[in-house]
Protein backbone atom coordinates (compact mmCIF):
# COMPACT_ATOMS: atom_id res chain seq x y z
CA MET A 1 16.22 5.76 24.37
CA THR A 2 14.65 2.39 23.59
CA GLN A 3 16.92 0.46 21.27
CA TYR A 4 15.27 -1.00 18.21
CA GLN A 5 15.90 -4.69 17.77
CA PRO A 6 14.68 -6.48 14.63
CA SER A 7 12.22 -9.21 15.57
CA SER A 8 11.38 -11.37 12.58
CA GLN A 9 9.68 -13.94 14.74
CA ALA A 10 6.95 -11.44 15.64
CA HIS A 11 5.86 -10.80 12.05
CA ARG A 12 2.46 -11.74 10.67
CA PHE A 13 2.95 -13.28 7.25
CA SER A 14 0.76 -13.26 4.20
CA VAL A 15 1.54 -15.26 1.07
CA LEU A 16 -0.08 -13.90 -2.10
CA LYS A 17 0.20 -15.56 -5.50
CA PHE A 18 -0.41 -13.71 -8.76
CA GLY A 19 -0.72 -15.81 -11.89
CA SER A 20 -0.64 -14.98 -15.56
CA SER A 21 -4.43 -14.59 -15.60
CA VAL A 22 -4.00 -11.32 -13.67
CA LEU A 23 -0.55 -10.40 -15.03
CA ARG A 24 -1.50 -9.94 -18.67
CA ASN A 25 0.55 -6.83 -19.48
CA ALA A 26 2.86 -4.27 -17.86
CA ASP A 27 -0.04 -2.11 -16.61
CA ASP A 28 -1.24 -4.94 -14.39
CA TYR A 29 1.75 -4.66 -12.04
CA ALA A 30 0.31 -1.43 -10.62
CA ARG A 31 -3.01 -3.23 -9.98
CA VAL A 32 -1.20 -6.05 -8.21
CA ALA A 33 0.79 -3.50 -6.16
CA HIS A 34 -2.54 -2.18 -4.80
CA GLU A 35 -3.41 -5.67 -3.60
CA ILE A 36 -0.04 -6.14 -1.92
CA TYR A 37 -0.13 -2.71 -0.26
CA ARG A 38 -3.57 -3.54 1.11
CA HIS A 39 -1.90 -6.24 3.21
CA THR A 40 1.31 -4.43 4.19
CA ARG A 41 -0.62 -1.39 5.45
CA THR A 42 -2.21 -3.60 8.15
CA GLY A 43 1.20 -4.74 9.40
CA GLU A 44 1.59 -7.99 7.46
CA LYS A 45 4.85 -9.03 5.87
CA VAL A 46 4.07 -10.32 2.39
CA VAL A 47 5.63 -12.93 0.17
CA ALA A 48 4.37 -12.12 -3.33
CA VAL A 49 4.81 -15.11 -5.64
CA VAL A 50 4.48 -14.11 -9.29
CA SER A 51 4.06 -15.94 -12.56
CA ALA A 52 5.32 -14.82 -15.93
CA LEU A 53 3.18 -12.47 -17.99
CA ASP A 54 0.33 -14.11 -19.84
CA GLY A 55 1.60 -16.18 -22.77
CA GLU A 56 5.28 -15.66 -22.03
CA THR A 57 6.03 -19.16 -20.71
CA ASP A 58 4.32 -20.74 -23.71
CA ALA A 59 6.35 -18.49 -26.01
CA LEU A 60 9.58 -19.55 -24.29
CA PHE A 61 8.69 -23.23 -24.58
CA ALA A 62 7.94 -22.72 -28.28
CA MET A 63 11.19 -20.84 -28.81
CA GLY A 64 13.12 -23.57 -27.03
CA ASP A 65 11.55 -26.25 -29.20
CA GLN A 66 12.31 -24.21 -32.31
CA VAL A 67 15.95 -23.63 -31.46
CA GLY A 68 16.76 -26.78 -29.52
CA GLN A 69 14.64 -29.55 -31.10
CA GLY A 70 15.40 -32.41 -28.73
CA SER A 71 17.74 -30.62 -26.33
CA SER A 72 17.70 -31.58 -22.66
CA ASP A 73 14.86 -30.71 -20.30
CA ARG A 74 17.41 -29.13 -17.97
CA VAL A 75 18.46 -26.55 -20.53
CA LEU A 76 14.81 -25.92 -21.41
CA ALA A 77 14.06 -25.36 -17.70
CA ARG A 78 16.76 -22.66 -17.62
CA LEU A 79 15.06 -20.92 -20.51
CA VAL A 80 11.41 -21.04 -19.44
CA ARG A 81 12.18 -19.77 -15.91
CA CYS A 82 13.21 -16.43 -17.46
CA GLY A 83 9.60 -15.28 -17.70
CA GLU A 84 9.22 -15.53 -13.92
CA LEU A 85 12.52 -13.75 -13.27
CA LYS A 86 11.46 -10.85 -15.49
CA SER A 87 8.02 -10.71 -13.85
CA ALA A 88 9.48 -10.65 -10.34
CA ALA A 89 11.75 -7.72 -11.24
CA LEU A 90 8.83 -5.79 -12.77
CA MET A 91 6.79 -6.42 -9.64
CA GLY A 92 9.63 -5.04 -7.54
CA LEU A 93 9.77 -1.90 -9.66
CA ALA A 94 6.02 -1.33 -9.31
CA LEU A 95 6.21 -1.69 -5.52
CA GLU A 96 9.20 0.65 -5.29
CA ARG A 97 7.25 3.28 -7.22
CA SER A 98 4.41 2.92 -4.73
CA GLY A 99 6.85 3.49 -1.86
CA VAL A 100 6.71 -0.05 -0.44
CA PRO A 101 10.03 -1.40 0.94
CA VAL A 102 10.65 -4.50 -1.19
CA ALA A 103 13.26 -7.16 -1.87
CA VAL A 104 13.22 -9.28 -5.03
CA LEU A 105 14.84 -12.66 -4.37
CA ASP A 106 15.76 -15.41 -6.81
CA PRO A 107 15.50 -19.05 -5.61
CA HIS A 108 19.26 -19.40 -5.05
CA GLU A 109 19.18 -16.38 -2.70
CA MET A 110 16.67 -18.21 -0.47
CA ASP A 111 18.05 -21.75 -0.91
CA LEU A 112 14.70 -22.69 -2.44
CA VAL A 113 15.34 -26.35 -3.18
CA ALA A 114 13.42 -28.51 -5.67
CA SER A 115 13.77 -32.13 -6.67
CA GLY A 116 12.44 -34.43 -9.38
CA ASP A 117 11.72 -34.08 -13.08
CA PRO A 118 13.37 -30.88 -14.42
CA LEU A 119 10.04 -29.80 -15.97
CA ASP A 120 7.70 -31.14 -13.26
CA ALA A 121 9.57 -31.00 -9.95
CA ASN A 122 8.44 -30.49 -6.35
CA LEU A 123 9.75 -28.00 -3.79
CA SER A 124 11.55 -29.64 -0.89
CA GLY A 125 13.30 -26.95 1.16
CA LEU A 126 13.81 -23.28 1.99
CA ASN A 127 16.35 -21.40 4.12
CA ARG A 128 13.79 -19.75 6.35
CA ASP A 129 16.39 -17.69 8.22
CA LYS A 130 17.54 -16.03 5.00
CA VAL A 131 13.97 -15.00 4.19
CA LEU A 132 13.28 -13.71 7.70
CA ALA A 133 16.49 -11.67 7.67
CA ARG A 134 15.37 -9.83 4.54
CA PHE A 135 12.06 -8.97 6.18
CA ASP A 136 13.90 -6.81 8.71
CA GLN A 137 14.45 -4.26 5.93
CA ALA A 138 11.55 -5.02 3.58
CA ASP A 139 7.79 -5.34 3.91
CA VAL A 140 7.50 -7.46 0.77
CA ILE A 141 9.61 -10.22 -0.70
CA VAL A 142 8.85 -10.91 -4.35
CA ALA A 143 9.64 -14.47 -5.37
CA PRO A 144 9.44 -15.88 -8.88
CA GLY A 145 7.11 -18.88 -8.90
CA PHE A 146 7.31 -22.00 -11.05
CA PHE A 147 10.87 -23.05 -10.25
CA GLY A 148 13.46 -23.92 -7.64
CA GLU A 149 16.99 -25.28 -7.75
CA ASP A 150 18.72 -28.58 -7.15
CA GLU A 151 22.45 -29.36 -7.11
CA ASP A 152 22.61 -29.04 -10.90
CA GLY A 153 20.73 -25.76 -11.26
CA PRO A 154 17.18 -24.51 -11.85
CA ILE A 155 14.27 -26.89 -12.45
CA THR A 156 10.60 -26.04 -12.96
CA LEU A 157 7.47 -27.17 -11.10
CA GLY A 158 5.10 -27.95 -13.96
CA ARG A 159 2.02 -26.11 -15.19
CA GLY A 160 0.47 -24.06 -12.39
CA GLY A 161 3.61 -24.48 -10.32
CA THR A 162 3.32 -20.99 -8.87
CA ASP A 163 0.34 -22.27 -6.84
CA LEU A 164 2.63 -24.90 -5.31
CA THR A 165 5.28 -22.28 -4.50
CA ALA A 166 2.69 -20.20 -2.61
CA VAL A 167 1.46 -23.21 -0.62
CA MET A 168 5.00 -24.19 0.39
CA PHE A 169 5.94 -20.64 1.43
CA ALA A 170 2.82 -20.49 3.61
CA HIS A 171 3.86 -23.77 5.25
CA TRP A 172 7.49 -22.82 5.81
CA LEU A 173 6.73 -19.32 7.17
CA GLY A 174 3.69 -20.31 9.24
CA ALA A 175 1.35 -17.98 7.34
CA GLU A 176 -2.37 -18.17 8.03
CA ARG A 177 -3.07 -19.06 4.40
CA ALA A 178 -1.86 -18.96 0.83
CA ARG A 179 -4.11 -16.57 -1.09
CA LEU A 180 -4.16 -17.33 -4.82
CA ILE A 181 -5.26 -14.32 -6.86
CA LYS A 182 -7.01 -15.39 -10.04
CA ASP A 183 -9.19 -13.82 -12.72
CA VAL A 184 -12.32 -15.19 -10.99
CA ASP A 185 -13.48 -14.40 -7.47
CA GLY A 186 -13.38 -17.95 -6.18
CA VAL A 187 -14.02 -21.59 -7.04
CA TYR A 188 -17.26 -22.27 -8.93
CA SER A 189 -19.23 -25.45 -9.57
CA ASP A 190 -18.38 -24.96 -13.25
CA ASP A 191 -16.58 -22.43 -15.42
CA PRO A 192 -18.72 -19.28 -14.93
CA ALA A 193 -17.56 -17.93 -18.29
CA LYS A 194 -19.20 -20.92 -20.00
CA ASN A 195 -22.02 -21.75 -17.62
CA PRO A 196 -24.04 -18.79 -16.27
CA GLU A 197 -25.76 -21.16 -13.82
CA ALA A 198 -22.49 -22.01 -12.09
CA HIS A 199 -22.43 -21.05 -8.42
CA ARG A 200 -19.53 -19.95 -6.26
CA PHE A 201 -18.42 -21.60 -3.02
CA ASP A 202 -17.38 -19.81 0.16
CA ALA A 203 -15.70 -22.99 1.46
CA LEU A 204 -14.63 -26.39 0.12
CA ASP A 205 -12.61 -29.27 1.49
CA TYR A 206 -9.47 -30.27 -0.39
CA GLU A 207 -10.95 -33.18 -2.33
CA ALA A 208 -14.06 -31.29 -3.38
CA ALA A 209 -11.89 -28.38 -4.52
CA ARG A 210 -9.78 -30.72 -6.64
CA LYS A 211 -12.88 -32.09 -8.36
CA VAL A 212 -14.66 -28.82 -9.16
CA SER A 213 -11.77 -26.42 -9.76
CA HIS A 214 -11.04 -27.92 -13.21
CA GLY A 215 -7.38 -26.94 -13.04
CA LEU A 216 -8.02 -23.48 -11.55
CA VAL A 217 -5.71 -24.58 -8.73
CA GLN A 218 -2.83 -26.93 -9.51
CA ASP A 219 -3.56 -30.49 -8.31
CA LYS A 220 -0.09 -30.82 -6.78
CA ALA A 221 -0.67 -27.62 -4.80
CA ILE A 222 -3.98 -28.93 -3.41
CA SER A 223 -2.37 -32.25 -2.46
CA ARG A 224 0.51 -30.58 -0.62
CA ALA A 225 -1.87 -28.14 1.08
CA LYS A 226 -3.95 -31.07 2.36
CA ALA A 227 -0.87 -33.00 3.54
CA LEU A 228 0.55 -29.95 5.34
CA ASP A 229 -2.80 -28.55 6.56
CA VAL A 230 -2.28 -25.26 4.70
CA VAL A 231 -5.39 -23.15 4.13
CA VAL A 232 -5.74 -22.01 0.52
CA GLU A 233 -7.87 -19.07 -0.58
CA VAL A 234 -8.92 -18.40 -4.15
CA ALA A 235 -9.84 -14.76 -4.77
CA SER A 236 -9.67 -11.95 -7.30
CA LEU A 237 -7.96 -8.57 -7.10
CA GLY A 238 -9.48 -6.16 -4.62
CA LYS A 239 -12.14 -8.47 -3.22
CA ALA A 240 -12.64 -8.92 0.50
CA TYR A 241 -14.06 -12.42 0.10
CA ALA A 242 -12.63 -15.69 -1.25
CA THR A 243 -13.25 -19.41 -1.55
CA ARG A 244 -11.55 -21.06 1.42
CA ILE A 245 -10.08 -24.51 0.76
CA ALA A 246 -9.36 -26.35 4.00
CA ALA A 247 -10.43 -29.31 6.10
CA SER A 248 -13.93 -27.89 6.42
CA ALA A 249 -17.47 -28.46 5.21
CA GLU A 250 -18.67 -27.30 1.82
CA LYS A 251 -20.45 -23.93 1.93
CA PRO A 252 -22.17 -22.37 -1.10
CA ALA A 253 -21.82 -18.61 -1.43
CA ALA A 254 -24.65 -16.11 -1.40
CA ALA A 255 -25.25 -14.11 -4.56
CA ARG A 256 -23.43 -10.77 -4.73
CA SER A 257 -24.16 -7.68 -6.73
CA GLU A 258 -22.04 -4.55 -6.99
CA ARG A 259 -22.15 -1.34 -8.92
CA PRO A 260 -19.35 1.14 -9.58
CA LEU A 261 -19.13 3.98 -7.08
CA ARG A 262 -19.15 7.53 -8.41
CA VAL A 263 -16.05 9.45 -7.29
CA ALA A 264 -15.49 13.20 -7.29
CA VAL A 265 -11.79 14.13 -7.28
CA LEU A 266 -11.05 17.67 -6.15
CA GLY A 267 -7.67 18.77 -7.51
CA HIS A 268 -5.39 17.47 -10.26
CA GLY A 269 -1.90 18.22 -9.00
CA ALA A 270 0.76 15.51 -8.76
CA VAL A 271 -1.19 13.37 -6.29
CA GLY A 272 -4.63 14.02 -7.78
CA ALA A 273 -3.36 13.10 -11.26
CA GLY A 274 -1.80 9.89 -9.98
CA LEU A 275 -4.99 8.94 -8.19
CA CYS A 276 -7.07 9.58 -11.32
CA GLN A 277 -4.84 7.13 -13.22
CA HIS A 278 -5.55 4.45 -10.61
CA LEU A 279 -9.29 5.11 -10.77
CA LEU A 280 -9.39 4.95 -14.56
CA ALA A 281 -7.71 1.54 -14.40
CA HIS A 282 -10.68 0.18 -12.39
CA PRO A 283 -13.80 1.11 -14.39
CA ASN A 284 -15.80 -1.76 -12.87
CA ARG A 285 -15.33 -0.29 -9.40
CA PHE A 286 -15.22 3.48 -9.90
CA GLN A 287 -16.67 6.09 -12.23
CA LEU A 288 -15.17 9.56 -12.26
CA SER A 289 -17.11 12.78 -12.22
CA PRO A 290 -15.46 15.82 -13.85
CA VAL A 291 -12.36 16.68 -11.83
CA LEU A 292 -12.50 20.01 -10.00
CA VAL A 293 -9.63 22.36 -10.94
CA ARG A 294 -9.11 26.09 -11.14
CA ASP A 295 -8.29 26.17 -14.86
CA PRO A 296 -9.61 23.25 -16.97
CA ALA A 297 -7.75 24.51 -20.03
CA LYS A 298 -4.45 23.97 -18.22
CA HIS A 299 -5.13 20.29 -17.53
CA SER A 300 -7.11 18.99 -20.51
CA PRO A 301 -4.26 18.97 -23.07
CA ILE A 302 -1.88 16.94 -20.88
CA ALA A 303 -4.27 14.57 -19.11
CA ASP A 304 -5.78 11.23 -20.08
CA ALA A 305 -8.42 11.77 -22.75
CA ARG A 306 -10.98 9.94 -20.59
CA LEU A 307 -10.80 12.67 -17.95
CA LYS A 308 -13.09 15.69 -17.93
CA PHE A 309 -12.40 18.84 -15.91
CA THR A 310 -14.53 21.58 -14.41
CA GLN A 311 -14.04 24.70 -12.31
CA ASP A 312 -17.63 24.48 -11.06
CA PRO A 313 -17.96 22.67 -7.70
CA ALA A 314 -21.63 21.94 -8.45
CA GLU A 315 -20.66 19.99 -11.58
CA ALA A 316 -17.95 18.02 -9.78
CA LEU A 317 -20.18 17.29 -6.78
CA ARG A 318 -23.16 15.94 -8.67
CA ASP A 319 -26.00 14.44 -6.72
CA ASP A 320 -24.99 10.87 -7.62
CA VAL A 321 -21.48 11.16 -6.18
CA ASP A 322 -20.72 8.52 -3.53
CA ILE A 323 -17.15 9.46 -2.53
CA VAL A 324 -15.33 12.78 -2.47
CA VAL A 325 -11.54 12.73 -2.74
CA GLU A 326 -10.01 15.99 -1.57
CA ALA A 327 -6.61 16.53 -3.23
CA LEU A 328 -6.58 20.34 -3.21
CA GLY A 329 -4.46 20.98 -0.13
CA GLY A 330 -4.54 24.03 2.10
CA THR A 331 -7.20 25.03 4.57
CA GLY A 332 -9.40 27.29 2.42
CA VAL A 333 -11.81 25.74 -0.06
CA ALA A 334 -10.50 22.26 0.83
CA ARG A 335 -11.70 22.68 4.40
CA SER A 336 -15.17 23.85 3.33
CA LEU A 337 -15.66 21.11 0.76
CA SER A 338 -14.48 18.41 3.17
CA GLN A 339 -17.16 19.36 5.68
CA SER A 340 -19.80 19.72 2.96
CA ALA A 341 -19.03 16.28 1.54
CA LEU A 342 -19.88 14.56 4.83
CA ARG A 343 -22.89 16.77 5.50
CA GLU A 344 -24.24 15.94 2.04
CA GLY A 345 -23.95 12.18 2.55
CA ARG A 346 -20.68 11.38 0.78
CA HIS A 347 -17.75 9.40 2.04
CA LEU A 348 -14.55 11.46 2.29
CA VAL A 349 -10.98 10.47 1.42
CA THR A 350 -8.23 13.05 1.91
CA ALA A 351 -4.48 13.44 2.39
CA ASN A 352 -4.85 16.95 3.85
CA LYS A 353 -3.06 16.81 7.21
CA ALA A 354 -3.72 20.50 7.94
CA VAL A 355 -7.50 20.07 7.62
CA ILE A 356 -7.49 16.80 9.57
CA ALA A 357 -5.36 18.32 12.36
CA LEU A 358 -7.79 21.24 12.64
CA ASP A 359 -11.12 19.44 12.16
CA LEU A 360 -10.67 15.76 12.98
CA GLU A 361 -13.25 15.73 15.76
CA LEU A 362 -15.76 17.69 13.69
CA LEU A 363 -15.26 15.54 10.57
CA SER A 364 -15.37 12.31 12.56
CA GLY A 365 -18.61 13.42 14.19
CA LEU A 366 -20.19 14.23 10.83
CA ALA A 367 -19.14 10.83 9.47
CA ARG A 368 -20.66 9.00 12.48
CA GLU A 369 -23.90 10.98 12.35
CA ASN A 370 -24.40 10.20 8.67
CA GLY A 371 -23.15 6.60 8.62
CA LEU A 372 -20.23 7.52 6.38
CA GLU A 373 -16.55 6.75 6.16
CA LEU A 374 -13.77 9.27 6.73
CA ARG A 375 -10.38 8.07 5.46
CA TYR A 376 -7.09 9.99 5.64
CA SER A 377 -4.26 7.44 5.88
CA ALA A 378 -2.11 9.43 3.42
CA ALA A 379 -2.22 12.53 5.65
CA VAL A 380 0.63 11.15 7.77
CA GLY A 381 3.55 9.28 6.26
CA GLY A 382 2.35 9.33 2.66
CA GLY A 383 2.68 5.69 1.69
CA THR A 384 4.11 4.76 5.12
CA PRO A 385 1.16 3.22 7.00
CA ILE A 386 1.82 4.52 10.50
CA LEU A 387 -1.84 5.29 11.27
CA GLU A 388 -2.96 1.84 10.16
CA HIS A 389 -0.32 0.21 12.36
CA LEU A 390 -1.51 2.20 15.37
CA ASP A 391 -5.12 1.31 14.62
CA GLU A 392 -4.19 -2.38 14.40
CA LEU A 393 -2.91 -2.18 17.98
CA GLY A 394 -6.39 -1.13 19.10
CA PRO A 395 -7.75 1.44 21.55
CA THR A 396 -6.45 -0.42 24.62
CA SER A 397 -2.91 -0.79 23.30
CA ASP A 398 0.15 -0.31 25.48
CA VAL A 399 1.80 2.33 23.29
CA LEU A 400 4.19 4.41 25.37
CA ALA A 401 5.45 6.79 22.69
CA VAL A 402 5.59 7.33 18.95
CA GLU A 403 8.38 9.18 17.21
CA GLY A 404 9.19 9.67 13.59
CA VAL A 405 10.84 11.45 10.72
CA MET A 406 7.70 12.65 8.97
CA ASN A 407 8.62 15.55 6.70
CA GLY A 408 10.35 14.72 3.41
CA THR A 409 11.40 18.31 2.68
CA CYS A 410 13.28 18.65 5.96
CA ASN A 411 14.81 15.23 5.54
CA PHE A 412 16.11 16.17 2.08
CA ILE A 413 17.61 19.44 3.37
CA LEU A 414 19.22 17.82 6.42
CA ASP A 415 20.82 15.19 4.17
CA ALA A 416 22.33 18.00 2.10
CA LEU A 417 23.61 19.81 5.21
CA ASP A 418 25.18 16.58 6.40
CA ARG A 419 27.11 16.46 3.11
CA GLY A 420 28.46 19.95 3.76
CA GLU A 421 26.14 21.99 1.56
CA LEU A 422 24.98 25.47 2.58
CA PHE A 423 21.48 25.87 4.00
CA ALA A 424 20.30 28.28 1.28
CA ASP A 425 21.62 25.99 -1.45
CA ALA A 426 19.92 22.96 0.09
CA VAL A 427 16.56 24.76 0.26
CA ALA A 428 16.90 25.96 -3.33
CA GLU A 429 17.65 22.43 -4.55
CA ALA A 430 14.65 21.06 -2.62
CA GLN A 431 12.48 23.68 -4.32
CA ARG A 432 13.91 22.85 -7.75
CA LEU A 433 13.14 19.14 -7.30
CA GLY A 434 9.62 19.81 -6.04
CA PHE A 435 10.19 18.70 -2.43
CA ALA A 436 9.82 22.25 -1.06
CA GLU A 437 7.20 24.91 -1.80
CA ALA A 438 8.10 28.42 -2.95
CA ASP A 439 7.55 29.39 0.69
CA PRO A 440 9.05 26.45 2.63
CA SER A 441 8.42 27.87 6.10
CA THR A 442 5.60 25.40 6.94
CA ASP A 443 8.06 22.54 6.53
CA LEU A 444 11.18 24.22 7.92
CA ASP A 445 9.50 25.63 11.03
CA GLY A 446 7.95 22.27 11.97
CA ASP A 447 4.32 23.21 11.34
CA ASP A 448 3.77 20.37 8.86
CA ALA A 449 5.29 17.84 11.26
CA ALA A 450 3.19 19.26 14.13
CA ASP A 451 -0.02 18.69 12.13
CA LYS A 452 0.99 15.09 11.52
CA LEU A 453 2.06 14.57 15.12
CA ALA A 454 -1.33 15.76 16.38
CA ILE A 455 -3.05 13.13 14.22
CA ILE A 456 -0.64 10.46 15.50
CA CYS A 457 -1.53 11.44 19.08
CA HIS A 458 -5.18 10.82 18.30
CA HIS A 459 -4.52 7.33 16.94
CA ALA A 460 -1.98 6.33 19.59
CA PHE A 461 -3.61 7.79 22.71
CA GLY A 462 -7.12 8.92 21.76
CA VAL A 463 -6.16 12.54 22.43
CA MET A 464 -6.19 15.39 19.91
CA PRO A 465 -3.79 18.03 21.24
CA ASP A 466 -4.13 21.73 20.57
CA LEU A 467 -1.68 22.51 17.78
CA ARG A 468 -0.53 25.56 19.73
CA ASP A 469 0.72 23.27 22.51
CA ILE A 470 3.11 21.33 20.25
CA ALA A 471 6.59 22.80 20.65
CA ARG A 472 8.62 22.92 17.46
CA GLU A 473 12.21 23.68 16.51
CA SER A 474 12.98 25.30 13.15
CA LEU A 475 15.68 24.17 10.75
CA SER A 476 16.64 27.81 10.33
CA ALA A 477 17.96 27.69 13.91
CA LEU A 478 20.46 24.97 12.99
CA SER A 479 23.83 26.72 12.86
CA PRO A 480 26.77 25.56 10.71
CA GLU A 481 28.78 25.09 13.92
CA ARG A 482 26.16 22.66 15.28
CA ILE A 483 26.12 20.71 12.05
CA GLU A 484 29.92 20.48 11.95
CA ALA A 485 30.08 19.36 15.59
CA ALA A 486 27.56 16.59 14.85
CA ARG A 487 29.53 15.47 11.81
CA GLU A 488 32.76 15.29 13.79
CA ALA A 489 30.97 13.13 16.38
CA ASP A 490 29.65 10.89 13.56
CA LEU A 491 26.08 12.00 14.23
CA VAL A 492 23.40 13.04 11.76
CA PHE A 493 20.62 15.59 12.32
CA LYS A 494 17.00 14.64 11.76
CA GLN A 495 13.74 16.47 12.38
CA VAL A 496 11.91 14.15 14.77
CA GLY A 497 8.34 14.45 16.00
CA ARG A 498 7.61 12.66 19.26
CA CYS A 499 4.51 12.17 21.38
CA ALA A 500 4.35 10.26 24.65
CA ALA A 501 1.86 9.66 27.46
CA ASP A 502 2.72 9.72 31.15
CA ASN A 503 1.12 7.62 33.88
CA SER A 504 -1.71 10.11 34.32
CA GLY A 505 -2.64 9.90 30.65
CA ARG A 506 -1.29 13.35 29.84
CA VAL A 507 0.22 13.50 26.36
CA GLU A 508 3.19 15.65 25.45
CA ALA A 509 4.16 16.28 21.83
CA ARG A 510 7.05 18.16 20.29
CA VAL A 511 8.98 18.54 17.03
CA GLU A 512 12.72 18.86 17.50
CA LEU A 513 16.07 18.53 15.75
CA ARG A 514 18.09 15.60 17.02
CA ALA A 515 21.67 14.55 16.37
CA LEU A 516 21.41 10.77 16.05
CA PRO A 517 24.07 8.07 15.82
CA ARG A 518 24.50 6.53 12.38
CA SER A 519 23.23 3.22 13.76
CA HIS A 520 19.81 4.69 14.57
CA PRO A 521 17.00 3.54 12.23
CA PHE A 522 16.19 7.16 11.34
CA ALA A 523 19.78 7.95 10.32
CA SER A 524 19.56 5.98 7.08
CA LEU A 525 16.36 7.69 5.85
CA ARG A 526 17.02 9.64 2.68
CA ASN A 527 15.18 12.27 0.66
CA GLU A 528 11.39 11.88 1.03
CA ALA A 529 11.64 8.72 3.14
CA ASN A 530 9.67 8.61 6.39
CA GLY A 531 10.29 6.36 9.36
CA PHE A 532 8.47 5.77 12.65
CA LEU A 533 9.17 3.98 15.90
CA ILE A 534 6.22 2.77 17.99
CA HIS A 535 7.49 2.25 21.53
CA ARG A 536 5.70 -0.34 23.66
CA ALA A 537 6.59 -2.14 26.87
CA GLN A 538 7.97 -5.12 24.92
CA GLY A 539 10.14 -3.03 22.59
CA ALA A 540 9.94 -0.79 19.54
CA THR A 541 8.45 -1.47 16.12
CA TYR A 542 10.01 0.30 13.16
CA ILE A 543 7.99 1.30 10.08
CA LYS A 544 9.43 3.04 7.05
CA GLY A 545 8.46 3.98 3.50
CA LYS A 546 8.22 6.89 1.11
CA GLY A 547 6.48 9.74 2.86
CA ALA A 548 5.73 12.01 -0.09
CA GLY A 549 5.49 12.13 -3.85
CA ARG A 550 2.82 11.36 -6.42
CA TRP A 551 2.78 7.59 -6.36
CA PRO A 552 3.24 6.73 -2.66
CA THR A 553 0.59 9.26 -1.63
CA ALA A 554 -1.76 8.22 -4.43
CA GLU A 555 -1.25 4.58 -3.41
CA ALA A 556 -2.36 5.32 0.15
CA MET A 557 -5.38 7.32 -1.02
CA PHE A 558 -6.39 4.61 -3.47
CA ALA A 559 -6.10 2.01 -0.70
CA ASP A 560 -8.55 4.11 1.32
CA LEU A 561 -10.90 4.25 -1.66
CA MET A 562 -10.70 0.49 -2.10
CA ASP A 563 -11.49 -0.01 1.59
CA VAL A 564 -14.59 2.14 1.19
CA GLN A 565 -15.59 0.28 -1.98
CA ARG A 566 -15.24 -3.13 -0.31
CA ASN A 567 -17.15 -2.02 2.76
CA GLN A 568 -19.96 -0.54 0.68
CA ALA A 569 -20.20 -3.26 -1.97
CA CYS A 570 -23.07 -5.12 -0.30
CA THR A 571 -24.09 -2.76 2.49
CA ARG A 572 -25.00 0.42 0.63
CA LYS A 573 -28.42 1.80 1.36
CA SER A 574 -30.76 1.53 -1.59
CA ALA A 575 -31.73 5.14 -1.18
CA ARG A 576 -30.21 8.08 0.61
CA THR A 577 -31.60 11.45 1.51
CA ARG A 578 -29.27 14.12 0.29
CA GLN A 579 -29.58 17.84 -0.06
CA LYS A 580 -28.85 19.35 -3.42
CA THR A 581 -25.34 20.70 -3.47
CA ALA A 582 -25.51 23.18 -6.29
CA SER A 583 -26.59 26.27 -4.40
CA GLN A 584 -24.12 25.73 -1.57
CA ALA A 585 -21.26 24.75 -3.87
CA GLN A 586 -21.71 27.84 -6.02
CA ARG A 587 -21.23 30.01 -2.96
CA MET A 588 -17.97 28.31 -1.96
CA PRO A 589 -14.72 30.18 -2.66
CA GLN A 590 -12.78 28.85 -5.65
CA GLU A 591 -9.25 29.37 -4.43
CA SER A 592 -6.13 27.24 -4.33
CA MET A 593 -7.43 24.64 -6.83
CA ILE A 594 -4.51 22.87 -8.45
């Protein structure tokens, strides 16, 4: 077996800064988590530098003046940094909920050194090795901006100091740029809120940016970026474009116009409900049609008042719908509506691994024929972006094999068996907690993992195997004697799916139960966690995250929706021929709607 060796030096880094203009209240941390996940899902390791919530630093300064009245700047610096510490912890909580492996680090844990005036200092050093070591277990490091430490304790970096922190992290880690997320989508010739004639720039050199940004970017940050040749981007949440500040010529931006995309969500179970919450938080990007469910009366009393429900597919799939999100599950009505969506000219986003495993070639063909997008990243791994990582490697990649723990229900049960619990008790507890269905056979017998493995084969090797050819081993075949023998040998059982290609290009895939040493990356995966190893000639890459649950799965589906929205923002056809859906939709079976 290829041994996994952490390789921090091989990481691609992205430094993202989020200021108080985008962190206005607690709800904004979920919006920022979307932006961070957008980068981690493409294989980047992210340093997220965060400011305090809007108004909190000013309130702390005022409180310090009220209580202290002439006390030292050093003590005041200790007080006003608290807003950033709180914000960093909240950001970590939001990322954990989304299933993103994260570490929240205070300056002293990174040896982030500052020097100068206690209320207007400059950063002067970082223990890079400490940061890189944490990236072996985390995809994101959240760092509080605005302050560092000298030999006497914490000191702050002045107004806008979080910009400076982002620039210095980009320099020390060798990131391609520091991307500063603001409440405007770039640098303008004037404040666009005050001057409607102001125009945006695609590119500016450092000196021009200093003159026209009017404090949008801290002057010290621009000066250090110029001295260190760090590229700075100024952007807003969710946008694909930015103003690039570098040693380059000035470039005015073309005018942009966008309209919200109409989304039809099919299903309002745990994942569908979580996704609807994300969509409602972005009214400028998405408008929701009535959500398709089996019994509207069941959902209306407990859902957000802004949501409307229908049991009529024709009402959900109105003619102005741009994107269909299939969150029904199963292979009945979900399969029919998925095909219809693409045939009727709508983009499709789904987490339904069973439908994708059965119909990937058909659905992909329909998407190509109609110039549409088919997105299903949540179908494998939930919030663990294994498919995106494989796609980043490209069609000519040197992938030798992919293996993974990809079923949260089985992982939960195997954990319980390892602790000495009985099989029946472990299954019952998984059902009680919502990990396992009333009939758990699809998970236990390896069928769920086989569906996911088939999709992985397609992305790794360009081959879609027949599901009947994927051998699978059932958890019900795992005897107490086998479990006890593994425990005595200090091994732990995991359900592992593996696919590999031989020299002739033939792909073999199987789902099996393996007794692994405790040192193996998969051995530490708990509950709904998923983990994958991508084996290549130069070694193995390990990816992990939460593989199931409302928020990780909804996060992956929302990331797909945002990708579609960005791609379509300026390229949508002004008109589209589309058949009316009512007559077809009325004939579709209305089963299994959650």
